[in-house]
Every structure is written in C-alpha cells, then in structure tokens.
Amino acid sequence: MSARRLLAFILLNVVISATVVLAILYFWDNRQPELDTATEQALIVPTSPTVSGASQAAVDPTADPENPPEGESGPPVYTVQTGDTLGKISREFDVSIDDIMAANNMSWHIGDV
C-alpha cells in the first residue's frame, strides 16, 4: 500500500470515528430527562439577627411593604427559584445549611448532589 493510499485510509477513519463519537454524544444528551425546573418550592429560612433588610424583602416577594401584616410570627418563607442551592440561600440569609435543613425537615442521603 502506498503512502498516499495509507494517508487517505487514516484520514477516512478519523472522520468516521469523529462522526460516530459526535452522533453518540448528541443522542446521549437528548435522551437524558430534563429536570423539572418549572416547579417552585417554599423553603423556611430560620431567623437570624444579622439578616439584612434587602434579604428580608426577598423572602416574601408578594408582601405589601406599605401594609405589613399585623402580628406575623414564625420564620420567613423563601420560594426556591431555579438555580438556587442551600449554600446560596444560607449565605443570602446568613443562616447555616444545617439550620435550613432542620427547619424544613430535610436530611442528607448518600449520593445527593
């Protein structure tokens, strides 16, 4: 086999291999179930004396700042948005992750991400 035919054979194999790999990755990516990001969850955030006023406003976006509810007691409720993590929420409200998990009856399971 001449060098020219060998080079053509190798290049053809590279192109076919790359095409197969890209096709597999394309189909693999499309077969994975999408996460349901449309549902929102309410998360109870334990109160902390160092919570800022801006963070308090983010707790209840439907609250009317001109007419605050009378005698509201209990911890603030935060609606979890797409992309929120316990770490991000704990930093925003200056509360430990363990306190948030305890207030919401959550627990860690092996393999949770």
C-alpha atoms as a PDB file:
ATOM      1  CA  MET A   1       0.000   0.000   0.000  1.00  0.00           C
ATOM      2  CA  SER A   2       1.467   3.347  -0.991  1.00  0.00           C
ATOM      3  CA  ALA A   3       1.880   6.195   1.479  1.00  0.00           C
ATOM      4  CA  ARG A   4      -0.765   8.226  -0.312  1.00  0.00           C
ATOM      5  CA  ARG A   5      -3.404   5.475  -0.028  1.00  0.00           C
ATOM      6  CA  LEU A   6      -2.423   4.862   3.611  1.00  0.00           C
ATOM      7  CA  LEU A   7      -2.869   8.563   4.455  1.00  0.00           C
ATOM      8  CA  ALA A   8      -6.276   8.630   2.749  1.00  0.00           C
ATOM      9  CA  PHE A   9      -7.305   5.493   4.669  1.00  0.00           C
ATOM     10  CA  ILE A  10      -6.210   7.013   8.016  1.00  0.00           C
ATOM     11  CA  LEU A  11      -7.984  10.322   7.343  1.00  0.00           C
ATOM     12  CA  LEU A  12     -11.163   8.497   6.358  1.00  0.00           C
ATOM     13  CA  ASN A  13     -11.038   6.518   9.626  1.00  0.00           C
ATOM     14  CA  VAL A  14     -10.521   9.711  11.649  1.00  0.00           C
ATOM     15  CA  VAL A  15     -13.527  11.388  10.011  1.00  0.00           C
ATOM     16  CA  ILE A  16     -15.765   8.343  10.506  1.00  0.00           C
ATOM     17  CA  SER A  17     -14.660   7.918  14.147  1.00  0.00           C
ATOM     18  CA  ALA A  18     -15.272  11.588  14.929  1.00  0.00           C
ATOM     19  CA  THR A  19     -18.705  11.440  13.293  1.00  0.00           C
ATOM     20  CA  VAL A  20     -19.672   8.354  15.317  1.00  0.00           C
ATOM     21  CA  VAL A  21     -18.494   9.933  18.591  1.00  0.00           C
ATOM     22  CA  LEU A  22     -20.403  13.161  17.910  1.00  0.00           C
ATOM     23  CA  ALA A  23     -23.551  11.225  16.976  1.00  0.00           C
ATOM     24  CA  ILE A  24     -23.356   9.180  20.186  1.00  0.00           C
ATOM     25  CA  LEU A  25     -22.888  12.322  22.290  1.00  0.00           C
ATOM     26  CA  TYR A  26     -25.783  14.044  20.530  1.00  0.00           C
ATOM     27  CA  PHE A  27     -28.173  11.154  21.137  1.00  0.00           C
ATOM     28  CA  TRP A  28     -26.928  10.651  24.710  1.00  0.00           C
ATOM     29  CA  ASP A  29     -27.540  14.312  25.529  1.00  0.00           C
ATOM     30  CA  ASN A  30     -31.047  14.235  24.059  1.00  0.00           C
ATOM     31  CA  ARG A  31     -32.088  11.049  25.857  1.00  0.00           C
ATOM     32  CA  GLN A  32     -31.359  12.401  29.358  1.00  0.00           C
ATOM     33  CA  PRO A  33     -34.570  13.511  31.102  1.00  0.00           C
ATOM     34  CA  GLU A  34     -34.809  17.222  31.657  1.00  0.00           C
ATOM     35  CA  LEU A  35     -35.059  18.426  35.229  1.00  0.00           C
ATOM     36  CA  ASP A  36     -38.430  19.883  36.120  1.00  0.00           C
ATOM     37  CA  THR A  37     -37.360  23.457  36.801  1.00  0.00           C
ATOM     38  CA  ALA A  38     -40.840  24.926  36.460  1.00  0.00           C
ATOM     39  CA  THR A  39     -41.957  23.890  39.948  1.00  0.00           C
ATOM     40  CA  GLU A  40     -41.175  26.217  42.795  1.00  0.00           C
ATOM     41  CA  GLN A  41     -40.820  25.167  46.392  1.00  0.00           C
ATOM     42  CA  ALA A  42     -41.250  27.146  49.563  1.00  0.00           C
ATOM     43  CA  LEU A  43     -38.326  26.885  51.940  1.00  0.00           C
ATOM     44  CA  ILE A  44     -38.452  28.003  55.560  1.00  0.00           C
ATOM     45  CA  VAL A  45     -35.403  30.035  56.496  1.00  0.00           C
ATOM     46  CA  PRO A  46     -34.671  30.228  60.237  1.00  0.00           C
ATOM     47  CA  THR A  47     -34.465  33.791  61.504  1.00  0.00           C
ATOM     48  CA  SER A  48     -31.079  35.265  62.183  1.00  0.00           C
ATOM     49  CA  PRO A  49     -30.284  38.562  63.894  1.00  0.00           C
ATOM     50  CA  THR A  50     -27.901  39.549  61.068  1.00  0.00           C
ATOM     51  CA  VAL A  51     -30.343  39.255  58.156  1.00  0.00           C
ATOM     52  CA  SER A  52     -30.215  42.440  56.092  1.00  0.00           C
ATOM     53  CA  GLY A  53     -33.263  44.427  55.033  1.00  0.00           C
ATOM     54  CA  ALA A  54     -32.648  43.630  51.350  1.00  0.00           C
ATOM     55  CA  SER A  55     -32.644  39.928  52.124  1.00  0.00           C
ATOM     56  CA  GLN A  56     -35.834  40.268  54.154  1.00  0.00           C
ATOM     57  CA  ALA A  57     -37.575  41.838  51.139  1.00  0.00           C
ATOM     58  CA  ALA A  58     -36.553  38.847  49.030  1.00  0.00           C
ATOM     59  CA  VAL A  59     -38.202  36.474  51.495  1.00  0.00           C
ATOM     60  CA  ASP A  60     -41.785  37.307  50.504  1.00  0.00           C
ATOM     61  CA  PRO A  61     -41.978  38.973  47.098  1.00  0.00           C
ATOM     62  CA  THR A  62     -45.783  39.232  47.358  1.00  0.00           C
ATOM     63  CA  ALA A  63     -45.699  41.182  50.614  1.00  0.00           C
ATOM     64  CA  ASP A  64     -47.085  44.708  50.528  1.00  0.00           C
ATOM     65  CA  PRO A  65     -44.380  46.940  52.069  1.00  0.00           C
ATOM     66  CA  GLU A  66     -46.890  49.724  52.802  1.00  0.00           C
ATOM     67  CA  ASN A  67     -49.251  47.439  54.747  1.00  0.00           C
ATOM     68  CA  PRO A  68     -47.189  44.846  56.603  1.00  0.00           C
ATOM     69  CA  PRO A  69     -49.222  42.015  58.152  1.00  0.00           C
ATOM     70  CA  GLU A  70     -50.067  42.506  61.796  1.00  0.00           C
ATOM     71  CA  GLY A  71     -48.606  40.078  64.291  1.00  0.00           C
ATOM     72  CA  GLU A  72     -46.911  37.848  61.722  1.00  0.00           C
ATOM     73  CA  SER A  73     -44.802  35.348  63.573  1.00  0.00           C
ATOM     74  CA  GLY A  74     -42.596  32.470  62.600  1.00  0.00           C
ATOM     75  CA  PRO A  75     -39.623  32.171  60.317  1.00  0.00           C
ATOM     76  CA  PRO A  76     -39.601  33.834  56.909  1.00  0.00           C
ATOM     77  CA  VAL A  77     -40.581  31.704  53.926  1.00  0.00           C
ATOM     78  CA  TYR A  78     -38.384  31.801  50.830  1.00  0.00           C
ATOM     79  CA  THR A  79     -39.582  30.478  47.459  1.00  0.00           C
ATOM     80  CA  VAL A  80     -36.801  28.461  45.863  1.00  0.00           C
ATOM     81  CA  GLN A  81     -36.016  29.621  42.336  1.00  0.00           C
ATOM     82  CA  THR A  82     -34.270  27.795  39.513  1.00  0.00           C
ATOM     83  CA  GLY A  83     -30.547  27.627  40.220  1.00  0.00           C
ATOM     84  CA  ASP A  84     -30.845  28.154  43.986  1.00  0.00           C
ATOM     85  CA  THR A  85     -28.816  25.934  46.272  1.00  0.00           C
ATOM     86  CA  LEU A  86     -28.864  25.540  50.036  1.00  0.00           C
ATOM     87  CA  GLY A  87     -25.419  27.137  50.152  1.00  0.00           C
ATOM     88  CA  LYS A  88     -26.570  30.182  48.191  1.00  0.00           C
ATOM     89  CA  ILE A  89     -29.691  30.599  50.347  1.00  0.00           C
ATOM     90  CA  SER A  90     -27.693  30.168  53.560  1.00  0.00           C
ATOM     91  CA  ARG A  91     -25.235  32.894  52.503  1.00  0.00           C
ATOM     92  CA  GLU A  92     -28.064  35.236  51.466  1.00  0.00           C
ATOM     93  CA  PHE A  93     -29.813  34.947  54.837  1.00  0.00           C
ATOM     94  CA  ASP A  94     -26.653  34.376  56.924  1.00  0.00           C
ATOM     95  CA  VAL A  95     -28.008  31.090  58.295  1.00  0.00           C
ATOM     96  CA  SER A  96     -26.239  27.733  58.366  1.00  0.00           C
ATOM     97  CA  ILE A  97     -27.242  24.996  55.937  1.00  0.00           C
ATOM     98  CA  ASP A  98     -27.917  22.692  58.887  1.00  0.00           C
ATOM     99  CA  ASP A  99     -30.430  25.187  60.340  1.00  0.00           C
ATOM    100  CA  ILE A 100     -32.269  25.449  56.998  1.00  0.00           C
ATOM    101  CA  MET A 101     -32.357  21.663  56.682  1.00  0.00           C
ATOM    102  CA  ALA A 102     -33.638  21.243  60.252  1.00  0.00           C
ATOM    103  CA  ALA A 103     -36.378  23.868  59.782  1.00  0.00           C
ATOM    104  CA  ASN A 104     -37.571  22.105  56.602  1.00  0.00           C
ATOM    105  CA  ASN A 105     -37.251  18.525  57.903  1.00  0.00           C
ATOM    106  CA  MET A 106     -34.617  17.744  55.282  1.00  0.00           C
ATOM    107  CA  SER A 107     -31.811  15.205  55.545  1.00  0.00           C
ATOM    108  CA  TRP A 108     -28.746  14.270  53.538  1.00  0.00           C
ATOM    109  CA  HIS A 109     -28.797  10.991  51.666  1.00  0.00           C
ATOM    110  CA  ILE A 110     -25.743   9.299  50.249  1.00  0.00           C
ATOM    111  CA  GLY A 111     -25.389  10.385  46.638  1.00  0.00           C
ATOM    112  CA  ASP A 112     -27.333  13.656  46.993  1.00  0.00           C
ATOM    113  CA  VAL A 113     -25.842  16.468  44.985  1.00  0.00           C
END
